[in-house]
Amino acid sequence: MDDHPQQRDREAGQDSARADAYETATRAFVAAGLAAHSWSNGPGHRYGDHQHPYHKVLYCVAGSITFHTPDGDIELYPGDRLDLPPATPHRATVGPDGVTCMEAARS
């Protein structure tokens, strides 16, 4: 007897969304000729103020993350893409379920 069918269905839906977001990101990186890597962080993890000398292309594939930029906050959920120009100051806060992202540097 399954005591938690709603939880099982919710987890199956999350797995499907994660697979779809991963596939979308992978296709986009391949089409652009970019070599991506993935990373994950737990709930509430924070990245302090920093910037990169390259154009950052990032896809959220699971969970959520908010990037804080001088132009405002950018919330990302599975399937969302962020293009961050070189030298853009930013920081980030991981959402309540953690996050997994794929990213690459674009010249």
N, C-alpha and C. Protein backbone atom coordinates (compact mmCIF):
# COMPACT_ATOMS: atom_id res chain seq x y z
N MET A 1 0.84 -1.18 0.00
CA MET A 1 0.00 0.00 0.00
C MET A 1 0.89 1.25 0.00
N ASP A 2 0.59 2.20 -0.84
CA ASP A 2 1.36 3.42 -0.96
C ASP A 2 0.71 4.49 -0.10
N ASP A 3 1.41 4.90 0.97
CA ASP A 3 0.87 5.89 1.89
C ASP A 3 1.03 7.33 1.40
N HIS A 4 1.85 7.56 0.35
CA HIS A 4 2.15 8.92 -0.09
C HIS A 4 2.06 9.07 -1.61
N PRO A 5 0.91 8.77 -2.21
CA PRO A 5 0.83 8.87 -3.67
C PRO A 5 1.01 10.29 -4.19
N GLN A 6 0.56 11.30 -3.46
CA GLN A 6 0.72 12.68 -3.93
C GLN A 6 2.19 13.08 -3.94
N GLN A 7 2.92 12.67 -2.91
CA GLN A 7 4.36 12.98 -2.87
C GLN A 7 5.08 12.28 -4.02
N ARG A 8 4.72 11.02 -4.28
CA ARG A 8 5.34 10.27 -5.38
C ARG A 8 5.07 10.95 -6.71
N ASP A 9 3.82 11.41 -6.92
CA ASP A 9 3.47 12.09 -8.17
C ASP A 9 4.21 13.41 -8.30
N ARG A 10 4.35 14.15 -7.18
CA ARG A 10 5.07 15.43 -7.21
C ARG A 10 6.53 15.20 -7.54
N GLU A 11 7.15 14.20 -6.94
CA GLU A 11 8.56 13.89 -7.21
C GLU A 11 8.76 13.44 -8.65
N ALA A 12 7.82 12.68 -9.19
CA ALA A 12 7.91 12.25 -10.59
C ALA A 12 7.81 13.46 -11.51
N GLY A 13 6.95 14.40 -11.18
CA GLY A 13 6.83 15.62 -11.97
C GLY A 13 8.10 16.46 -11.92
N GLN A 14 8.74 16.52 -10.74
CA GLN A 14 9.99 17.26 -10.60
C GLN A 14 11.09 16.60 -11.42
N ASP A 15 11.14 15.27 -11.40
CA ASP A 15 12.14 14.54 -12.18
C ASP A 15 11.95 14.80 -13.67
N SER A 16 10.70 14.84 -14.12
CA SER A 16 10.41 15.10 -15.52
C SER A 16 10.81 16.52 -15.91
N ALA A 17 10.50 17.49 -15.06
CA ALA A 17 10.87 18.89 -15.33
C ALA A 17 12.38 19.04 -15.36
N ARG A 18 13.07 18.35 -14.45
CA ARG A 18 14.53 18.41 -14.41
C ARG A 18 15.12 17.82 -15.68
N ALA A 19 14.58 16.70 -16.14
CA ALA A 19 15.07 16.06 -17.37
C ALA A 19 14.83 16.97 -18.57
N ASP A 20 13.66 17.60 -18.63
CA ASP A 20 13.34 18.52 -19.73
C ASP A 20 14.28 19.72 -19.72
N ALA A 21 14.53 20.30 -18.55
CA ALA A 21 15.40 21.46 -18.44
C ALA A 21 16.84 21.10 -18.81
N TYR A 22 17.28 19.92 -18.38
CA TYR A 22 18.63 19.47 -18.71
C TYR A 22 18.77 19.28 -20.22
N GLU A 23 17.77 18.68 -20.85
CA GLU A 23 17.80 18.46 -22.30
C GLU A 23 17.80 19.80 -23.06
N THR A 24 16.98 20.73 -22.63
CA THR A 24 16.93 22.05 -23.25
C THR A 24 18.29 22.74 -23.16
N ALA A 25 18.89 22.72 -21.97
CA ALA A 25 20.19 23.36 -21.77
C ALA A 25 21.27 22.68 -22.60
N THR A 26 21.29 21.37 -22.59
CA THR A 26 22.30 20.63 -23.35
C THR A 26 22.22 20.96 -24.83
N ARG A 27 21.02 20.96 -25.38
CA ARG A 27 20.84 21.29 -26.80
C ARG A 27 21.31 22.70 -27.11
N ALA A 28 20.99 23.64 -26.25
CA ALA A 28 21.39 25.03 -26.48
C ALA A 28 22.90 25.19 -26.44
N PHE A 29 23.55 24.54 -25.49
CA PHE A 29 25.01 24.64 -25.40
C PHE A 29 25.67 23.99 -26.62
N VAL A 30 25.19 22.83 -27.03
CA VAL A 30 25.75 22.15 -28.20
C VAL A 30 25.55 23.01 -29.45
N ALA A 31 24.36 23.55 -29.63
CA ALA A 31 24.07 24.39 -30.80
C ALA A 31 24.97 25.62 -30.86
N ALA A 32 25.34 26.15 -29.67
CA ALA A 32 26.19 27.34 -29.62
C ALA A 32 27.67 26.99 -29.63
N GLY A 33 27.98 25.69 -29.61
CA GLY A 33 29.38 25.27 -29.60
C GLY A 33 30.07 25.55 -28.28
N LEU A 34 29.30 25.55 -27.19
CA LEU A 34 29.86 25.84 -25.87
C LEU A 34 30.03 24.57 -25.05
N ALA A 35 31.11 24.51 -24.29
CA ALA A 35 31.37 23.38 -23.39
C ALA A 35 30.86 23.74 -22.00
N ALA A 36 29.79 23.13 -21.60
CA ALA A 36 29.16 23.46 -20.32
C ALA A 36 29.59 22.50 -19.22
N HIS A 37 29.47 22.98 -18.01
CA HIS A 37 29.65 22.13 -16.83
C HIS A 37 28.48 22.39 -15.89
N SER A 38 28.26 21.47 -14.99
CA SER A 38 27.14 21.65 -14.06
C SER A 38 27.66 21.79 -12.63
N TRP A 39 26.84 22.39 -11.80
CA TRP A 39 27.15 22.55 -10.39
C TRP A 39 25.85 22.60 -9.60
N SER A 40 25.96 22.33 -8.34
CA SER A 40 24.79 22.32 -7.45
C SER A 40 25.16 22.93 -6.11
N ASN A 41 24.15 23.50 -5.46
CA ASN A 41 24.29 24.01 -4.10
C ASN A 41 23.03 23.71 -3.32
N GLY A 42 23.19 23.62 -2.01
CA GLY A 42 22.07 23.36 -1.13
C GLY A 42 21.24 24.60 -0.86
N PRO A 43 20.09 24.41 -0.23
CA PRO A 43 19.16 25.50 0.06
C PRO A 43 19.84 26.65 0.81
N GLY A 44 19.54 27.87 0.36
CA GLY A 44 20.00 29.06 1.05
C GLY A 44 21.45 29.45 0.82
N HIS A 45 22.20 28.65 0.04
CA HIS A 45 23.61 29.00 -0.21
C HIS A 45 23.68 30.38 -0.85
N ARG A 46 24.70 31.15 -0.48
CA ARG A 46 24.84 32.50 -1.02
C ARG A 46 26.22 32.67 -1.64
N TYR A 47 26.22 33.33 -2.79
CA TYR A 47 27.46 33.75 -3.45
C TYR A 47 27.57 35.24 -3.23
N GLY A 48 28.71 35.69 -2.72
CA GLY A 48 28.92 37.12 -2.49
C GLY A 48 29.15 37.87 -3.79
N ASP A 49 29.27 39.19 -3.67
CA ASP A 49 29.50 40.04 -4.83
C ASP A 49 30.75 39.60 -5.59
N HIS A 50 30.60 39.46 -6.90
CA HIS A 50 31.73 39.13 -7.76
C HIS A 50 31.35 39.42 -9.21
N GLN A 51 32.30 39.24 -10.11
CA GLN A 51 32.06 39.39 -11.54
C GLN A 51 33.02 38.49 -12.29
N HIS A 52 32.75 38.29 -13.57
CA HIS A 52 33.56 37.40 -14.41
C HIS A 52 34.09 38.19 -15.61
N PRO A 53 35.27 37.81 -16.10
CA PRO A 53 35.81 38.51 -17.28
C PRO A 53 35.22 37.98 -18.59
N TYR A 54 34.28 37.08 -18.51
CA TYR A 54 33.68 36.45 -19.69
C TYR A 54 32.17 36.57 -19.65
N HIS A 55 31.53 36.31 -20.79
CA HIS A 55 30.08 36.27 -20.89
C HIS A 55 29.62 34.92 -20.34
N LYS A 56 28.85 34.94 -19.30
CA LYS A 56 28.37 33.72 -18.64
C LYS A 56 26.99 33.36 -19.19
N VAL A 57 26.86 32.12 -19.66
CA VAL A 57 25.57 31.58 -20.10
C VAL A 57 25.20 30.49 -19.10
N LEU A 58 24.05 30.61 -18.47
CA LEU A 58 23.67 29.70 -17.40
C LEU A 58 22.22 29.26 -17.57
N TYR A 59 21.97 27.98 -17.37
CA TYR A 59 20.62 27.43 -17.33
C TYR A 59 20.38 26.82 -15.96
N CYS A 60 19.24 27.10 -15.38
CA CYS A 60 18.81 26.41 -14.17
C CYS A 60 18.15 25.11 -14.62
N VAL A 61 18.58 23.97 -14.06
CA VAL A 61 17.98 22.70 -14.45
C VAL A 61 17.19 22.03 -13.32
N ALA A 62 17.40 22.50 -12.08
CA ALA A 62 16.61 21.98 -10.95
C ALA A 62 16.64 23.00 -9.83
N GLY A 63 15.57 23.06 -9.07
CA GLY A 63 15.52 24.00 -7.96
C GLY A 63 15.35 25.43 -8.44
N SER A 64 15.98 26.36 -7.71
CA SER A 64 15.87 27.77 -8.08
C SER A 64 17.06 28.54 -7.53
N ILE A 65 17.31 29.69 -8.16
CA ILE A 65 18.37 30.59 -7.71
C ILE A 65 17.99 32.00 -8.13
N THR A 66 18.34 32.97 -7.32
CA THR A 66 18.11 34.37 -7.63
C THR A 66 19.45 35.06 -7.77
N PHE A 67 19.65 35.69 -8.92
CA PHE A 67 20.84 36.50 -9.15
C PHE A 67 20.49 37.94 -8.85
N HIS A 68 21.34 38.60 -8.07
CA HIS A 68 21.13 39.98 -7.68
C HIS A 68 22.12 40.83 -8.48
N THR A 69 21.62 41.70 -9.34
CA THR A 69 22.45 42.53 -10.20
C THR A 69 22.11 44.00 -9.95
N PRO A 70 22.95 44.92 -10.44
CA PRO A 70 22.62 46.34 -10.30
C PRO A 70 21.28 46.71 -10.96
N ASP A 71 20.86 45.94 -11.94
CA ASP A 71 19.59 46.21 -12.62
C ASP A 71 18.39 45.54 -11.96
N GLY A 72 18.61 44.79 -10.88
CA GLY A 72 17.51 44.13 -10.19
C GLY A 72 17.75 42.63 -10.05
N ASP A 73 16.81 41.98 -9.40
CA ASP A 73 16.90 40.54 -9.16
C ASP A 73 16.36 39.75 -10.35
N ILE A 74 17.01 38.61 -10.60
CA ILE A 74 16.59 37.71 -11.68
C ILE A 74 16.39 36.34 -11.07
N GLU A 75 15.15 35.88 -11.01
CA GLU A 75 14.83 34.57 -10.45
C GLU A 75 14.84 33.54 -11.57
N LEU A 76 15.54 32.43 -11.33
CA LEU A 76 15.62 31.35 -12.31
C LEU A 76 15.04 30.07 -11.73
N TYR A 77 14.26 29.39 -12.59
CA TYR A 77 13.66 28.10 -12.26
C TYR A 77 14.01 27.13 -13.39
N PRO A 78 13.75 25.84 -13.22
CA PRO A 78 14.14 24.88 -14.27
C PRO A 78 13.71 25.31 -15.67
N GLY A 79 14.70 25.33 -16.56
CA GLY A 79 14.47 25.72 -17.95
C GLY A 79 14.81 27.17 -18.25
N ASP A 80 15.00 27.99 -17.21
CA ASP A 80 15.31 29.40 -17.41
C ASP A 80 16.79 29.59 -17.74
N ARG A 81 17.06 30.60 -18.58
CA ARG A 81 18.42 30.91 -19.01
C ARG A 81 18.79 32.33 -18.55
N LEU A 82 20.06 32.48 -18.18
CA LEU A 82 20.61 33.78 -17.84
C LEU A 82 21.85 34.01 -18.68
N ASP A 83 21.90 35.16 -19.35
CA ASP A 83 23.11 35.60 -20.06
C ASP A 83 23.64 36.80 -19.29
N LEU A 84 24.84 36.65 -18.77
CA LEU A 84 25.43 37.70 -17.96
C LEU A 84 26.67 38.24 -18.67
N PRO A 85 26.61 39.50 -19.13
CA PRO A 85 27.75 40.07 -19.85
C PRO A 85 29.01 40.13 -18.98
N PRO A 86 30.17 40.18 -19.62
CA PRO A 86 31.43 40.28 -18.87
C PRO A 86 31.41 41.49 -17.93
N ALA A 87 32.06 41.33 -16.79
CA ALA A 87 32.25 42.40 -15.80
C ALA A 87 30.95 42.90 -15.16
N THR A 88 29.87 42.11 -15.23
CA THR A 88 28.62 42.50 -14.57
C THR A 88 28.69 42.09 -13.10
N PRO A 89 28.66 43.06 -12.19
CA PRO A 89 28.67 42.71 -10.77
C PRO A 89 27.38 41.94 -10.42
N HIS A 90 27.51 40.91 -9.63
CA HIS A 90 26.34 40.14 -9.22
C HIS A 90 26.65 39.32 -7.98
N ARG A 91 25.59 38.88 -7.34
CA ARG A 91 25.66 37.90 -6.27
C ARG A 91 24.46 36.99 -6.46
N ALA A 92 24.36 35.92 -5.69
CA ALA A 92 23.25 34.98 -5.91
C ALA A 92 22.84 34.33 -4.61
N THR A 93 21.56 33.96 -4.56
CA THR A 93 20.99 33.25 -3.42
C THR A 93 20.23 32.03 -3.94
N VAL A 94 20.59 30.86 -3.43
CA VAL A 94 19.94 29.61 -3.83
C VAL A 94 18.58 29.50 -3.13
N GLY A 95 17.60 28.97 -3.84
CA GLY A 95 16.24 28.82 -3.32
C GLY A 95 16.11 27.73 -2.27
N PRO A 96 14.89 27.54 -1.76
CA PRO A 96 14.63 26.64 -0.63
C PRO A 96 14.82 25.15 -0.94
N ASP A 97 14.86 24.77 -2.22
CA ASP A 97 15.05 23.36 -2.57
C ASP A 97 16.44 23.09 -3.15
N GLY A 98 17.36 24.06 -3.00
CA GLY A 98 18.67 23.91 -3.61
C GLY A 98 18.60 24.24 -5.10
N VAL A 99 19.72 24.04 -5.80
CA VAL A 99 19.75 24.35 -7.23
C VAL A 99 20.80 23.49 -7.92
N THR A 100 20.53 23.18 -9.18
CA THR A 100 21.52 22.61 -10.09
C THR A 100 21.46 23.45 -11.35
N CYS A 101 22.64 23.89 -11.79
CA CYS A 101 22.74 24.71 -13.00
C CYS A 101 23.78 24.13 -13.94
N MET A 102 23.64 24.49 -15.19
CA MET A 102 24.66 24.22 -16.20
C MET A 102 25.11 25.58 -16.71
N GLU A 103 26.43 25.73 -16.92
CA GLU A 103 26.91 27.01 -17.40
C GLU A 103 28.12 26.84 -18.29
N ALA A 104 28.37 27.89 -19.09
CA ALA A 104 29.53 27.93 -19.96
C ALA A 104 29.94 29.38 -20.16
N ALA A 105 31.19 29.56 -20.55
CA ALA A 105 31.70 30.88 -20.89
C ALA A 105 31.62 31.06 -22.39
N ARG A 106 31.10 32.20 -22.82
CA ARG A 106 31.02 32.51 -24.23
C ARG A 106 31.98 33.65 -24.54
N SER A 107 32.73 33.53 -25.61
CA SER A 107 33.69 34.57 -25.97
C SER A 107 32.98 35.78 -26.52
